[in-house]
Amino acid sequence: MPDVRCSVSDCAYQKDSTCQAPALQVQAKGGLSQGAKVSSCADTQCQSFKPRR
């Protein structure tokens, strides 16, 4: 997987500002249906997030 920059320090997959998740899932925010059109990155969210313990 290519380097994915991440600044979410509370995510268990974030290390040295890079996402270390085995796979990424990004989807539209706010319950928009699959295939929904979004107008900016603010309309998306990472579903791979796992809280750091």
Protein backbone atom coordinates (compact mmCIF):
# COMPACT_ATOMS: atom_id res chain seq x y z
CA MET A 1 0.00 0.00 0.00
CA PRO A 2 1.33 3.50 -0.77
CA ASP A 3 2.17 5.84 2.10
CA VAL A 4 -0.99 7.43 3.47
CA ARG A 5 -0.46 10.50 5.64
CA CYS A 6 -2.50 10.59 8.85
CA SER A 7 -2.58 13.15 11.65
CA VAL A 8 -5.16 11.41 13.87
CA SER A 9 -2.99 10.67 16.90
CA ASP A 10 -5.82 8.78 18.67
CA CYS A 11 -5.92 6.10 15.94
CA ALA A 12 -4.15 2.81 16.69
CA TYR A 13 -2.95 2.62 13.06
CA GLN A 14 -1.23 6.03 13.04
CA LYS A 15 2.54 5.90 13.48
CA ASP A 16 4.94 8.73 12.66
CA SER A 17 2.17 10.58 10.79
CA THR A 18 1.58 7.59 8.50
CA CYS A 19 -1.38 5.19 8.42
CA GLN A 20 -0.26 1.61 9.10
CA ALA A 21 -3.70 -0.01 8.64
CA PRO A 22 -3.64 -3.18 6.51
CA ALA A 23 -6.42 -1.69 4.35
CA LEU A 24 -8.27 1.62 4.12
CA GLN A 25 -11.98 2.20 3.84
CA VAL A 26 -13.09 5.74 3.07
CA GLN A 27 -16.73 6.61 2.58
CA ALA A 28 -19.15 9.50 2.32
CA LYS A 29 -20.02 11.18 5.63
CA GLY A 30 -23.41 11.54 7.22
CA GLY A 31 -25.06 8.33 6.13
CA LEU A 32 -24.90 9.07 2.42
CA SER A 33 -25.53 5.94 0.40
CA GLN A 34 -22.79 4.00 -1.35
CA GLY A 35 -21.94 5.69 -4.62
CA ALA A 36 -23.12 9.06 -3.31
CA LYS A 37 -21.45 12.08 -4.90
CA VAL A 38 -19.49 14.33 -2.57
CA SER A 39 -18.23 17.82 -3.31
CA SER A 40 -15.11 17.97 -1.12
CA CYS A 41 -12.87 15.94 1.17
CA ALA A 42 -14.86 17.38 4.09
CA ASP A 43 -17.71 15.11 2.93
CA THR A 44 -15.66 11.93 3.46
CA GLN A 45 -14.47 9.94 6.47
CA CYS A 46 -12.03 7.12 7.21
CA GLN A 47 -13.82 3.99 8.37
CA SER A 48 -10.54 2.20 9.14
CA PHE A 49 -10.17 4.19 12.38
CA LYS A 50 -9.45 2.08 15.46
CA PRO A 51 -9.10 3.85 18.84
CA ARG A 52 -5.66 3.75 20.43
CA ARG A 53 -5.66 2.01 23.80
